[in-house]
N, C-alpha and C. Protein backbone atom coordinates (compact mmCIF):
# COMPACT_ATOMS: atom_id res chain seq x y z
N MET A 1 0.61 -1.48 0.15
CA MET A 1 0.02 0.01 0.40
C MET A 1 1.00 0.92 -0.29
N ALA A 2 0.76 2.23 -0.98
CA ALA A 2 1.20 3.79 -0.58
C ALA A 2 1.01 4.34 0.54
N ALA A 3 1.87 5.03 1.09
CA ALA A 3 2.01 5.73 1.93
C ALA A 3 0.97 7.18 1.72
N ASN A 4 -0.02 7.19 2.68
CA ASN A 4 -0.96 8.42 2.57
C ASN A 4 -1.41 8.73 1.22
N SER A 5 -1.75 7.35 0.43
CA SER A 5 -2.54 7.31 -1.00
C SER A 5 -3.79 6.60 -0.24
N PRO A 6 -5.39 7.24 -0.55
CA PRO A 6 -6.45 6.36 -0.61
C PRO A 6 -7.16 5.56 -1.24
N PHE A 7 -5.95 5.25 -2.18
CA PHE A 7 -6.02 3.95 -3.11
C PHE A 7 -5.01 2.30 -2.67
N ASP A 8 -5.26 1.97 -2.93
CA ASP A 8 -4.32 0.82 -2.83
C ASP A 8 -3.94 -0.19 -4.46
N CYS A 9 -4.82 0.35 -5.22
CA CYS A 9 -5.16 -0.72 -6.35
C CYS A 9 -5.15 0.27 -7.93
N VAL A 10 -4.63 0.41 -8.77
CA VAL A 10 -4.96 1.22 -9.83
C VAL A 10 -5.14 0.12 -10.59
N LEU A 11 -6.55 0.01 -11.38
CA LEU A 11 -6.97 -0.64 -12.78
C LEU A 11 -6.47 0.25 -14.17
N LEU A 12 -5.65 -0.33 -15.10
CA LEU A 12 -4.72 0.60 -16.12
C LEU A 12 -5.64 -0.59 -17.45
N ASP A 13 -6.06 0.60 -18.20
CA ASP A 13 -6.35 -0.03 -19.24
C ASP A 13 -5.66 0.05 -20.60
N LEU A 14 -5.42 -0.48 -21.28
CA LEU A 14 -4.52 -0.16 -22.69
C LEU A 14 -4.73 0.67 -23.59
N ASP A 15 -5.87 0.30 -24.70
CA ASP A 15 -5.65 1.10 -25.89
C ASP A 15 -5.85 2.10 -25.82
N ASP A 16 -5.59 3.10 -26.50
CA ASP A 16 -5.69 4.75 -26.49
C ASP A 16 -5.17 5.25 -24.45
N THR A 17 -4.50 4.30 -23.89
CA THR A 17 -4.06 4.78 -22.28
C THR A 17 -3.06 4.70 -22.14
N LEU A 18 -1.99 3.41 -22.33
CA LEU A 18 -1.14 3.03 -22.30
C LEU A 18 -0.07 3.61 -23.27
N TYR A 19 -0.92 3.34 -24.42
CA TYR A 19 -0.29 4.00 -25.80
C TYR A 19 -1.93 5.06 -26.27
N PRO A 20 -1.00 6.15 -26.82
CA PRO A 20 -2.00 6.90 -27.91
C PRO A 20 -3.01 6.35 -28.34
N GLY A 21 -3.87 7.63 -28.53
CA GLY A 21 -5.07 6.96 -29.55
C GLY A 21 -4.74 7.49 -31.24
N ASP A 22 -3.56 8.09 -31.32
CA ASP A 22 -3.64 9.09 -32.73
C ASP A 22 -2.26 7.96 -33.19
N THR A 23 -2.33 6.61 -32.78
CA THR A 23 -0.66 6.02 -33.60
C THR A 23 -1.45 5.38 -34.99
N GLY A 24 -2.23 5.29 -35.24
CA GLY A 24 -3.07 5.20 -36.37
C GLY A 24 -3.83 3.29 -36.30
N LEU A 25 -3.58 2.91 -35.29
CA LEU A 25 -4.35 1.38 -35.00
C LEU A 25 -5.54 1.43 -35.10
N GLY A 26 -6.65 2.38 -34.65
CA GLY A 26 -7.80 2.72 -34.89
C GLY A 26 -8.09 2.79 -35.91
N PRO A 27 -8.02 3.16 -37.12
CA PRO A 27 -8.50 3.37 -38.53
C PRO A 27 -8.31 1.65 -39.11
N ALA A 28 -6.92 1.57 -38.91
CA ALA A 28 -6.66 0.05 -39.24
C ALA A 28 -7.64 -0.97 -38.74
N LEU A 29 -7.99 -0.95 -37.61
CA LEU A 29 -8.25 -1.70 -36.67
C LEU A 29 -10.33 -1.52 -37.07
N ARG A 30 -10.85 -0.78 -38.02
CA ARG A 30 -12.11 -0.49 -38.30
C ARG A 30 -11.81 -1.36 -39.62
N ARG A 31 -10.72 -1.44 -39.82
CA ARG A 31 -10.52 -1.13 -41.74
C ARG A 31 -10.50 -3.18 -41.84
N ASN A 32 -10.05 -3.69 -40.70
CA ASN A 32 -10.04 -4.91 -40.43
C ASN A 32 -11.54 -5.82 -40.10
N ILE A 33 -12.09 -5.09 -39.17
CA ILE A 33 -13.18 -5.68 -39.12
C ILE A 33 -14.27 -5.35 -39.65
N ASP A 34 -14.17 -4.62 -41.05
CA ASP A 34 -14.98 -4.45 -42.11
C ASP A 34 -14.30 -5.50 -42.74
N GLU A 35 -13.27 -5.81 -43.18
CA GLU A 35 -12.58 -7.04 -44.24
C GLU A 35 -13.58 -8.66 -43.43
N PHE A 36 -12.98 -8.64 -42.05
CA PHE A 36 -13.90 -9.79 -41.46
C PHE A 36 -14.86 -10.18 -41.65
N LEU A 37 -16.08 -8.71 -41.44
CA LEU A 37 -17.58 -8.92 -41.60
C LEU A 37 -18.22 -9.02 -43.10
N GLN A 38 -17.23 -8.26 -44.13
CA GLN A 38 -17.37 -9.05 -45.83
C GLN A 38 -16.88 -10.13 -46.15
N ALA A 39 -16.02 -11.09 -45.55
CA ALA A 39 -15.61 -12.45 -45.75
C ALA A 39 -16.69 -13.13 -44.96
N LYS A 40 -16.78 -12.94 -43.56
CA LYS A 40 -17.78 -13.51 -43.18
C LYS A 40 -19.25 -13.76 -42.87
N LEU A 41 -19.86 -13.06 -43.42
CA LEU A 41 -20.79 -12.79 -43.72
C LEU A 41 -21.66 -12.34 -45.19
N GLY A 42 -20.24 -12.47 -46.13
CA GLY A 42 -20.81 -12.26 -48.09
C GLY A 42 -21.32 -10.90 -47.95
N VAL A 43 -20.95 -10.03 -47.60
CA VAL A 43 -21.81 -8.38 -47.37
C VAL A 43 -20.91 -7.52 -48.02
N SER A 44 -21.38 -6.26 -48.19
CA SER A 44 -20.70 -5.67 -49.09
C SER A 44 -19.48 -4.83 -48.18
N ALA A 45 -18.74 -4.30 -48.61
CA ALA A 45 -18.24 -2.80 -48.05
C ALA A 45 -19.02 -1.81 -47.14
N GLU A 46 -19.80 -1.81 -48.08
CA GLU A 46 -20.53 -0.74 -47.23
C GLU A 46 -21.73 -1.28 -46.12
N ARG A 47 -22.19 -2.14 -46.33
CA ARG A 47 -22.97 -2.90 -45.45
C ARG A 47 -21.91 -3.51 -44.41
N ALA A 48 -21.14 -3.82 -44.37
CA ALA A 48 -20.00 -4.20 -43.27
C ALA A 48 -20.08 -2.81 -42.43
N ALA A 49 -19.57 -1.87 -43.23
CA ALA A 49 -18.93 -0.64 -42.27
C ALA A 49 -20.22 0.16 -41.47
N ALA A 50 -21.10 -0.05 -41.85
CA ALA A 50 -23.22 -0.24 -41.12
C ALA A 50 -23.08 -1.00 -40.34
N MET A 51 -22.57 -2.18 -40.32
CA MET A 51 -23.20 -2.80 -39.23
C MET A 51 -21.91 -3.15 -38.28
N ARG A 52 -20.71 -2.63 -38.57
CA ARG A 52 -19.75 -2.56 -37.55
C ARG A 52 -20.14 -1.37 -36.43
N VAL A 53 -20.33 -0.28 -37.27
CA VAL A 53 -21.55 1.36 -36.33
C VAL A 53 -21.93 0.40 -35.47
N GLU A 54 -23.17 -0.01 -35.97
CA GLU A 54 -24.11 -0.49 -35.38
C GLU A 54 -23.91 -1.67 -34.16
N LEU A 55 -23.32 -2.65 -34.27
CA LEU A 55 -22.88 -3.57 -33.92
C LEU A 55 -22.27 -3.11 -32.56
N PHE A 56 -21.24 -2.14 -32.67
CA PHE A 56 -20.86 -1.42 -31.73
C PHE A 56 -21.68 -0.57 -30.86
N ARG A 57 -22.53 -0.10 -31.22
CA ARG A 57 -23.81 0.90 -30.55
C ARG A 57 -24.33 0.12 -30.06
N THR A 58 -24.96 -1.01 -30.27
CA THR A 58 -25.99 -1.92 -29.71
C THR A 58 -25.25 -2.98 -28.81
N HIS A 59 -23.97 -2.93 -29.12
CA HIS A 59 -23.46 -4.48 -27.61
C HIS A 59 -22.22 -3.99 -27.29
N GLY A 60 -21.45 -3.12 -27.98
CA GLY A 60 -20.37 -2.55 -26.96
C GLY A 60 -19.14 -3.59 -27.89
N SER A 61 -19.39 -4.17 -28.97
CA SER A 61 -18.26 -4.19 -29.85
C SER A 61 -19.29 -5.53 -31.30
N SER A 62 -17.97 -5.61 -32.39
CA SER A 62 -18.62 -6.25 -33.36
C SER A 62 -19.10 -7.65 -32.80
N LEU A 63 -17.90 -8.09 -32.73
CA LEU A 63 -18.47 -9.62 -31.92
C LEU A 63 -18.48 -10.01 -30.78
N ALA A 64 -18.99 -8.89 -29.92
CA ALA A 64 -20.29 -9.20 -28.91
C ALA A 64 -21.73 -9.19 -29.84
N GLY A 65 -21.85 -8.23 -30.97
CA GLY A 65 -22.82 -8.59 -31.71
C GLY A 65 -23.20 -9.30 -32.31
N LEU A 66 -22.26 -10.31 -33.30
CA LEU A 66 -21.98 -10.88 -33.43
C LEU A 66 -22.51 -12.05 -32.86
N ILE A 67 -21.93 -12.43 -31.69
CA ILE A 67 -22.74 -13.54 -30.91
C ILE A 67 -23.98 -13.42 -31.02
N ALA A 68 -24.38 -11.97 -30.08
CA ALA A 68 -25.47 -11.73 -29.65
C ALA A 68 -26.44 -12.53 -30.78
N LEU A 69 -26.20 -11.94 -31.73
CA LEU A 69 -27.31 -12.39 -33.14
C LEU A 69 -27.20 -14.02 -34.05
N GLY A 70 -26.35 -14.45 -32.63
CA GLY A 70 -26.46 -15.95 -33.17
C GLY A 70 -25.37 -16.91 -34.14
N TYR A 71 -24.17 -15.89 -34.85
CA TYR A 71 -23.48 -16.19 -35.98
C TYR A 71 -22.15 -16.79 -35.23
N ASP A 72 -22.30 -18.23 -35.61
CA ASP A 72 -20.95 -19.14 -35.68
C ASP A 72 -19.90 -18.50 -35.45
N VAL A 73 -19.37 -17.22 -34.62
CA VAL A 73 -18.28 -16.83 -34.55
C VAL A 73 -17.03 -16.85 -33.47
N HIS A 74 -16.39 -17.76 -33.09
CA HIS A 74 -15.33 -17.97 -32.37
C HIS A 74 -14.25 -16.76 -32.13
N PRO A 75 -14.43 -16.47 -30.17
CA PRO A 75 -13.31 -15.26 -30.54
C PRO A 75 -12.04 -15.16 -31.03
N ASP A 76 -11.39 -16.46 -30.92
CA ASP A 76 -9.92 -16.34 -31.58
C ASP A 76 -9.37 -16.23 -32.94
N GLU A 77 -10.79 -17.16 -33.55
CA GLU A 77 -11.38 -16.31 -35.10
C GLU A 77 -11.37 -14.91 -35.42
N TYR A 78 -11.76 -14.49 -34.16
CA TYR A 78 -12.23 -12.84 -34.99
C TYR A 78 -11.05 -12.09 -34.33
N HIS A 79 -10.50 -12.97 -33.22
CA HIS A 79 -9.26 -11.35 -33.03
C HIS A 79 -7.85 -11.61 -34.15
N SER A 80 -7.71 -13.09 -33.84
CA SER A 80 -6.76 -13.34 -35.11
C SER A 80 -7.02 -12.62 -36.30
N TYR A 81 -7.57 -12.19 -36.92
CA TYR A 81 -7.91 -11.78 -37.81
C TYR A 81 -7.62 -9.91 -37.52
N VAL A 82 -8.60 -9.22 -36.75
CA VAL A 82 -9.21 -7.84 -36.58
C VAL A 82 -7.48 -7.11 -36.18
N HIS A 83 -7.47 -8.05 -34.84
CA HIS A 83 -5.77 -7.88 -34.62
C HIS A 83 -4.69 -8.16 -34.96
N GLY A 84 -4.53 -9.71 -35.77
CA GLY A 84 -3.68 -10.20 -35.73
C GLY A 84 -3.16 -9.88 -36.77
N MET A 85 -3.76 -8.09 -37.56
CA MET A 85 -3.41 -7.74 -38.77
C MET A 85 -2.70 -6.71 -38.95
N LEU A 86 -3.17 -6.11 -37.57
CA LEU A 86 -2.74 -4.75 -37.44
C LEU A 86 -1.18 -4.69 -37.42
N PRO A 87 -1.05 -3.51 -37.42
CA PRO A 87 -0.03 -2.65 -38.73
C PRO A 87 0.61 -2.19 -36.22
N TYR A 88 1.28 -3.29 -36.09
CA TYR A 88 1.87 -2.97 -34.45
C TYR A 88 3.21 -2.06 -34.54
N ASP A 89 3.63 -1.87 -35.64
CA ASP A 89 4.75 -1.15 -35.72
C ASP A 89 4.45 0.37 -35.16
N MET A 90 3.16 0.71 -35.68
CA MET A 90 2.90 1.94 -35.12
C MET A 90 2.73 2.40 -33.77
N ILE A 91 3.13 1.89 -33.15
CA ILE A 91 3.19 1.94 -31.31
C ILE A 91 4.52 1.87 -31.22
N ALA A 92 4.95 3.42 -30.86
CA ALA A 92 6.58 3.40 -30.56
C ALA A 92 7.07 2.73 -28.46
N ALA A 93 7.94 2.73 -28.56
CA ALA A 93 9.08 2.66 -27.88
C ALA A 93 8.73 3.97 -27.01
N ASP A 94 8.10 3.44 -25.93
CA ASP A 94 8.30 4.36 -24.41
C ASP A 94 8.85 4.08 -23.12
N PRO A 95 9.97 4.10 -23.26
CA PRO A 95 10.82 4.45 -22.29
C PRO A 95 10.14 5.23 -20.81
N GLN A 96 9.28 6.30 -21.01
CA GLN A 96 9.33 7.33 -20.14
C GLN A 96 7.77 6.15 -19.17
N LEU A 97 7.06 5.82 -20.02
CA LEU A 97 5.85 4.89 -19.94
C LEU A 97 6.15 3.38 -18.70
N ALA A 98 7.33 3.03 -18.77
CA ALA A 98 7.98 1.83 -18.33
C ALA A 98 8.85 2.42 -17.06
N ARG A 99 9.60 3.83 -16.54
CA ARG A 99 9.37 4.28 -15.76
C ARG A 99 8.56 3.99 -14.28
N THR A 100 7.92 4.86 -15.69
CA THR A 100 6.64 5.62 -15.12
C THR A 100 5.57 4.05 -14.08
N LEU A 101 5.70 3.69 -14.64
CA LEU A 101 4.84 2.27 -14.64
C LEU A 101 5.17 0.98 -13.31
N GLN A 102 6.47 1.57 -13.28
CA GLN A 102 7.53 0.60 -12.16
C GLN A 102 7.22 1.59 -10.53
N SER A 103 7.03 2.99 -11.11
CA SER A 103 7.53 3.54 -9.83
C SER A 103 6.03 3.75 -9.43
N ILE A 104 4.88 3.43 -10.04
CA ILE A 104 2.91 3.66 -8.97
C ILE A 104 3.42 2.16 -8.01
N PRO A 105 3.53 3.10 -6.76
CA PRO A 105 3.46 2.00 -5.92
C PRO A 105 2.50 1.17 -5.31
N GLN A 106 1.39 1.64 -5.68
CA GLN A 106 -0.11 0.66 -5.79
C GLN A 106 0.21 -0.65 -6.36
N ARG A 107 -0.61 -1.55 -6.33
CA ARG A 107 -0.77 -2.68 -6.90
C ARG A 107 -1.68 -2.41 -8.73
N LYS A 108 -1.09 -2.83 -9.31
CA LYS A 108 -1.51 -2.84 -10.81
C LYS A 108 -1.80 -3.65 -11.19
N VAL A 109 -2.73 -3.59 -11.90
CA VAL A 109 -4.09 -4.88 -12.81
C VAL A 109 -3.87 -3.91 -13.97
N LEU A 110 -3.51 -4.65 -15.07
CA LEU A 110 -3.77 -3.81 -16.54
C LEU A 110 -5.45 -4.71 -16.60
N PHE A 111 -6.18 -4.00 -17.42
CA PHE A 111 -7.76 -4.46 -17.42
C PHE A 111 -8.24 -3.79 -18.46
N THR A 112 -8.06 -4.78 -19.65
CA THR A 112 -8.47 -4.46 -21.27
C THR A 112 -9.88 -5.10 -21.97
N ASN A 113 -10.21 -5.11 -22.56
CA ASN A 113 -11.32 -5.80 -23.42
C ASN A 113 -10.46 -6.44 -24.65
N SER A 114 -9.45 -5.98 -24.71
CA SER A 114 -8.76 -6.49 -25.90
C SER A 114 -8.42 -8.38 -25.43
N ASP A 115 -8.05 -8.96 -26.51
CA ASP A 115 -7.49 -10.23 -26.02
C ASP A 115 -6.00 -10.63 -25.96
N ARG A 116 -5.19 -11.31 -25.43
CA ARG A 116 -4.62 -11.29 -24.36
C ARG A 116 -3.05 -11.29 -25.63
N ALA A 117 -3.33 -12.17 -26.70
CA ALA A 117 -2.28 -11.52 -27.77
C ALA A 117 -2.10 -10.20 -28.19
N HIS A 118 -2.87 -9.71 -28.63
CA HIS A 118 -2.71 -8.06 -28.69
C HIS A 118 -2.14 -7.97 -27.94
N MET A 119 -2.93 -7.64 -26.44
CA MET A 119 -1.89 -7.05 -25.21
C MET A 119 -0.82 -7.38 -25.18
N LYS A 120 0.04 -8.42 -25.52
CA LYS A 120 1.19 -8.79 -25.50
C LYS A 120 2.18 -8.43 -26.64
N ARG A 121 1.32 -7.98 -27.76
CA ARG A 121 2.03 -7.35 -28.86
C ARG A 121 1.99 -6.05 -28.67
N ALA A 122 1.18 -5.58 -28.03
CA ALA A 122 1.06 -4.15 -27.76
C ALA A 122 2.26 -3.36 -26.47
N LEU A 123 2.49 -4.18 -25.26
CA LEU A 123 3.13 -4.39 -24.64
C LEU A 123 4.87 -4.44 -24.64
N GLU A 124 5.05 -5.10 -26.04
CA GLU A 124 6.51 -5.56 -26.42
C GLU A 124 6.70 -4.71 -26.86
N ARG A 125 5.58 -3.28 -27.95
CA ARG A 125 6.16 -2.61 -28.80
C ARG A 125 6.41 -1.15 -27.82
N LEU A 126 5.66 -0.97 -27.09
CA LEU A 126 5.71 -0.04 -26.20
C LEU A 126 7.02 -0.75 -24.91
N GLY A 127 7.48 -1.74 -25.33
CA GLY A 127 8.43 -1.77 -24.39
C GLY A 127 8.47 -2.20 -22.91
N VAL A 128 7.48 -2.32 -22.28
CA VAL A 128 6.99 -2.70 -21.36
C VAL A 128 6.57 -4.26 -20.66
N ASP A 129 7.16 -4.61 -19.65
CA ASP A 129 7.45 -5.99 -19.26
C ASP A 129 5.93 -6.30 -18.61
N GLU A 130 5.35 -7.21 -19.22
CA GLU A 130 4.32 -7.66 -18.36
C GLU A 130 4.17 -8.30 -17.38
N ALA A 131 5.87 -8.53 -16.42
CA ALA A 131 5.38 -8.58 -15.39
C ALA A 131 5.32 -7.10 -14.21
N VAL A 132 5.75 -5.69 -14.84
CA VAL A 132 4.98 -4.81 -14.34
C VAL A 132 4.41 -4.55 -13.66
N PHE A 133 3.17 -5.63 -14.27
CA PHE A 133 1.99 -5.74 -13.71
C PHE A 133 1.41 -6.64 -12.53
N ASP A 134 0.73 -6.25 -11.51
CA ASP A 134 0.64 -7.16 -10.46
C ASP A 134 -0.58 -8.58 -10.98
N ASP A 135 -0.82 -8.05 -11.94
CA ASP A 135 -2.16 -9.09 -13.08
C ASP A 135 -2.72 -8.46 -13.93
N VAL A 136 -2.95 -9.44 -14.54
CA VAL A 136 -3.59 -8.98 -15.85
C VAL A 136 -5.85 -9.71 -15.81
N VAL A 137 -6.28 -8.56 -16.55
CA VAL A 137 -7.94 -8.77 -16.92
C VAL A 137 -8.12 -8.40 -18.40
N CYS A 138 -8.22 -9.43 -19.56
CA CYS A 138 -8.31 -9.24 -20.62
C CYS A 138 -9.48 -10.16 -21.32
N PHE A 139 -9.75 -9.88 -22.33
CA PHE A 139 -11.11 -10.67 -23.08
C PHE A 139 -11.58 -12.23 -22.26
N GLU A 140 -10.05 -12.88 -22.36
CA GLU A 140 -10.40 -14.05 -22.06
C GLU A 140 -10.59 -14.58 -20.49
N THR A 141 -10.41 -13.43 -19.47
CA THR A 141 -10.22 -13.69 -18.71
C THR A 141 -11.54 -13.11 -17.83
N MET A 142 -12.54 -12.10 -18.54
CA MET A 142 -13.70 -11.97 -18.31
C MET A 142 -14.85 -13.18 -18.98
N ASN A 143 -13.98 -13.99 -20.09
CA ASN A 143 -15.28 -14.83 -20.51
C ASN A 143 -15.03 -15.98 -21.03
N PRO A 144 -14.55 -16.93 -20.21
CA PRO A 144 -14.07 -18.46 -20.14
C PRO A 144 -15.20 -18.76 -20.45
N HIS A 145 -16.39 -18.81 -20.56
CA HIS A 145 -17.54 -19.46 -21.13
C HIS A 145 -17.81 -20.00 -22.53
N LEU A 146 -16.62 -18.20 -23.09
CA LEU A 146 -17.03 -18.62 -24.99
C LEU A 146 -15.29 -19.55 -25.16
N PHE A 147 -14.51 -20.48 -24.51
CA PHE A 147 -13.45 -21.38 -24.87
C PHE A 147 -13.62 -22.61 -24.41
N GLY A 148 -12.78 -23.28 -24.77
CA GLY A 148 -12.66 -24.37 -24.51
C GLY A 148 -14.25 -25.21 -23.76
N GLU A 149 -13.63 -26.39 -23.18
CA GLU A 149 -14.97 -27.28 -23.08
C GLU A 149 -16.17 -26.24 -22.28
N ALA A 150 -16.28 -25.24 -21.72
CA ALA A 150 -17.53 -24.34 -21.10
C ALA A 150 -18.10 -24.13 -22.38
N ARG A 151 -17.20 -23.53 -23.44
CA ARG A 151 -18.41 -23.43 -24.83
C ARG A 151 -19.00 -24.35 -25.51
N GLU A 152 -18.08 -25.45 -25.28
CA GLU A 152 -19.08 -26.61 -25.66
C GLU A 152 -20.20 -26.80 -25.08
N GLU A 153 -19.94 -26.73 -23.53
CA GLU A 153 -21.12 -27.71 -23.01
C GLU A 153 -21.98 -26.27 -23.51
N GLU A 154 -21.87 -24.98 -23.50
CA GLU A 154 -22.90 -24.03 -23.47
C GLU A 154 -23.31 -24.10 -24.94
N ARG A 155 -22.93 -24.43 -26.05
CA ARG A 155 -23.04 -24.65 -27.34
C ARG A 155 -24.17 -25.61 -27.32
N ALA A 156 -24.15 -26.80 -26.39
CA ALA A 156 -24.92 -28.14 -26.22
C ALA A 156 -26.20 -28.07 -25.99
N ALA A 157 -25.83 -27.24 -24.64
CA ALA A 157 -27.53 -26.67 -24.02
C ALA A 157 -28.49 -26.24 -24.22
N GLY A 158 -27.85 -25.55 -25.63
CA GLY A 158 -29.09 -24.67 -26.99
C GLY A 158 -28.70 -23.50 -25.36
N GLY A 159 -30.56 -22.77 -25.85
CA GLY A 159 -31.22 -21.72 -25.51
C GLY A 159 -30.19 -20.35 -26.37
N ASP A 160 -30.73 -19.62 -25.50
CA ASP A 160 -30.06 -17.93 -25.87
C ASP A 160 -28.20 -18.01 -26.25
N PRO A 161 -27.87 -17.02 -27.26
CA PRO A 161 -26.64 -17.05 -27.38
C PRO A 161 -25.40 -16.52 -26.20
N PRO A 162 -24.36 -16.85 -26.17
CA PRO A 162 -23.71 -16.81 -24.85
C PRO A 162 -23.52 -14.75 -24.36
N VAL A 163 -23.48 -14.69 -23.51
CA VAL A 163 -23.48 -12.99 -23.60
C VAL A 163 -21.37 -13.00 -23.70
N VAL A 164 -21.35 -11.73 -24.55
CA VAL A 164 -19.61 -11.39 -23.72
C VAL A 164 -19.72 -10.10 -22.89
N VAL A 165 -18.95 -10.80 -22.36
CA VAL A 165 -18.95 -9.57 -21.29
C VAL A 165 -17.31 -8.79 -21.48
N LEU A 166 -18.29 -7.05 -21.59
CA LEU A 166 -17.27 -6.03 -21.42
C LEU A 166 -16.88 -4.81 -20.97
N LYS A 167 -16.05 -4.32 -20.55
CA LYS A 167 -16.09 -3.47 -19.80
C LYS A 167 -16.94 -2.47 -20.68
N PRO A 168 -18.01 -0.97 -20.31
CA PRO A 168 -17.86 -0.66 -19.09
C PRO A 168 -19.13 -1.85 -18.02
N SER A 169 -19.51 -2.66 -18.88
CA SER A 169 -20.14 -3.07 -17.74
C SER A 169 -20.19 -3.90 -16.10
N VAL A 170 -21.04 -4.19 -15.59
CA VAL A 170 -21.25 -4.25 -14.04
C VAL A 170 -20.05 -5.39 -13.84
N ASP A 171 -20.51 -6.70 -14.77
CA ASP A 171 -19.99 -8.06 -14.47
C ASP A 171 -18.54 -7.61 -14.88
N ALA A 172 -17.92 -6.76 -15.87
CA ALA A 172 -16.81 -7.00 -16.23
C ALA A 172 -15.63 -5.65 -14.93
N ILE A 173 -16.78 -4.85 -14.30
CA ILE A 173 -15.99 -4.39 -13.37
C ILE A 173 -15.47 -5.44 -12.53
N VAL A 174 -16.79 -6.44 -12.07
CA VAL A 174 -16.69 -7.31 -11.04
C VAL A 174 -15.48 -8.26 -11.49
N ALA A 175 -15.53 -8.77 -12.78
CA ALA A 175 -14.60 -9.90 -13.12
C ALA A 175 -12.71 -8.87 -12.94
N GLY A 176 -12.38 -7.65 -13.03
CA GLY A 176 -11.88 -6.79 -12.16
C GLY A 176 -11.42 -6.94 -11.15
N LEU A 177 -12.37 -6.42 -10.37
CA LEU A 177 -12.02 -6.58 -9.18
C LEU A 177 -11.71 -7.59 -8.17
N ARG A 178 -12.71 -9.00 -8.79
CA ARG A 178 -11.75 -9.96 -8.26
C ARG A 178 -10.73 -10.72 -9.08
N VAL A 179 -9.76 -10.18 -9.75
CA VAL A 179 -8.61 -10.32 -9.68
C VAL A 179 -8.08 -9.37 -8.87
N ALA A 180 -8.36 -8.33 -8.73
CA ALA A 180 -7.36 -7.22 -8.00
C ALA A 180 -7.40 -7.92 -6.93
N GLY A 181 -8.30 -8.26 -6.50
CA GLY A 181 -8.17 -8.53 -4.83
C GLY A 181 -8.31 -7.64 -3.43
N THR A 182 -9.17 -6.46 -4.48
CA THR A 182 -8.98 -5.06 -3.68
C THR A 182 -10.58 -4.30 -3.02
N ASN A 183 -10.39 -3.31 -2.37
CA ASN A 183 -11.60 -3.16 -2.02
C ASN A 183 -11.92 -2.12 -3.13
N PRO A 184 -13.27 -2.32 -3.92
CA PRO A 184 -13.60 -1.14 -5.02
C PRO A 184 -13.48 -0.25 -4.09
N ARG A 185 -14.14 0.27 -2.82
CA ARG A 185 -13.77 1.61 -2.52
C ARG A 185 -12.11 2.37 -2.42
N ARG A 186 -11.15 1.16 -2.56
CA ARG A 186 -9.70 1.68 -2.46
C ARG A 186 -9.08 1.88 -3.96
N THR A 187 -10.11 1.72 -5.07
CA THR A 187 -9.40 1.07 -6.20
C THR A 187 -9.75 2.39 -7.12
N VAL A 188 -8.60 2.86 -8.39
CA VAL A 188 -8.92 3.66 -9.33
C VAL A 188 -8.83 3.39 -10.57
N THR A 189 -9.08 3.64 -11.41
CA THR A 189 -9.17 3.50 -12.58
C THR A 189 -8.56 4.45 -12.95
N THR A 190 -8.07 4.44 -14.52
CA THR A 190 -7.69 5.35 -15.16
C THR A 190 -8.41 6.05 -16.29
N PRO A 191 -8.14 7.47 -16.54
CA PRO A 191 -8.88 7.89 -17.86
C PRO A 191 -8.41 7.20 -19.34
N ASN A 192 -9.62 7.24 -19.80
CA ASN A 192 -8.41 6.93 -21.13
C ASN A 192 -8.44 7.98 -22.18
N CYS A 193 -7.18 8.11 -21.54
CA CYS A 193 -5.62 9.57 -22.02
C CYS A 193 -4.58 8.58 -21.81
N PRO A 194 -3.48 9.38 -22.79
CA PRO A 194 -2.28 8.83 -22.76
C PRO A 194 -1.34 8.85 -20.53
N LEU A 195 -0.95 8.26 -20.82
CA LEU A 195 -0.53 7.84 -19.19
C LEU A 195 0.91 8.54 -19.75
N LEU A 196 0.98 9.49 -19.66
CA LEU A 196 2.91 10.01 -19.29
C LEU A 196 3.36 10.62 -17.89
N ASN A 197 2.78 10.69 -17.17
CA ASN A 197 2.98 10.68 -15.74
C ASN A 197 2.40 10.07 -14.10
N THR A 198 2.70 10.03 -13.48
CA THR A 198 2.31 10.34 -12.39
C THR A 198 0.83 11.06 -11.75
N SER A 199 1.11 12.44 -12.17
CA SER A 199 0.76 13.10 -12.43
C SER A 199 -1.14 12.73 -13.24
N ALA A 200 -1.25 11.76 -13.95
CA ALA A 200 -2.35 10.83 -14.12
C ALA A 200 -3.87 10.70 -13.10
N PHE A 201 -2.99 10.47 -11.79
CA PHE A 201 -3.55 9.67 -11.12
C PHE A 201 -3.79 10.52 -9.71
N GLN A 202 -4.18 12.36 -10.01
CA GLN A 202 -4.32 13.22 -9.41
C GLN A 202 -6.25 13.22 -9.73
N HIS A 203 -6.27 12.59 -10.68
CA HIS A 203 -7.86 13.06 -10.97
C HIS A 203 -7.78 11.74 -11.38
N PRO A 204 -8.53 11.14 -10.35
CA PRO A 204 -8.71 9.53 -10.57
C PRO A 204 -10.35 9.03 -10.84
N ASN A 205 -10.71 7.78 -11.58
CA ASN A 205 -12.10 7.51 -11.55
C ASN A 205 -12.45 6.75 -10.37
N PRO A 206 -12.58 6.62 -9.11
CA PRO A 206 -12.66 5.43 -8.64
C PRO A 206 -14.14 4.72 -8.76
N VAL A 207 -13.65 3.09 -8.66
CA VAL A 207 -14.49 1.87 -9.03
C VAL A 207 -15.56 1.98 -8.35
N ALA A 208 -15.33 2.65 -7.29
CA ALA A 208 -17.01 2.59 -6.18
C ALA A 208 -17.61 3.31 -6.88
N SER A 209 -17.28 4.37 -7.81
CA SER A 209 -18.35 5.21 -8.60
C SER A 209 -19.55 4.25 -9.86
N PHE A 210 -18.85 3.01 -9.77
CA PHE A 210 -19.55 2.10 -10.81
C PHE A 210 -21.21 1.62 -10.19
N PHE A 211 -20.99 1.51 -8.80
CA PHE A 211 -21.95 0.67 -8.01
C PHE A 211 -23.20 1.78 -7.45
């Protein structure tokens, strides 16, 4: 615990936070999603772009929307294309970020909607060792029911399509807190802006505000 601090734990986002939103990955990601939708659903480029916007608006992500609508899409299939094809060389190494993270005395949990493979590649480009975080919460952590035997059992049972858990839903926040193992009133989330120095924690978002 940091001396004289009201917080014991920091939940840090990855995309557009540990690296800035102007890297160019955003437009590339949108193109990849559109291409995936075209190939998977056999729709035009215009229809794919419109679907991407609508799925994000109504379900929080294109993947969550596809699964909710009953399409047979495995998360690994989706992520390997939309993230696997990203131009990661657009993310520049950030030695200052690495030093800043090491200097934060609170427990640090990387908390991202992205899949683990994307997280690892982004951290590698930034020059940040995953070990600087006390724990990681990613897509796979929040959605174990979409993988392996749990997925097959749910498919065999029939019924409604599975729900994809993503921030900022309460279920996602609960998953993050469970991994963090801390009191939500003493846990803080970083805003979605580049983390350049420890002053980013002077105006935190207490996790307790979600409840």
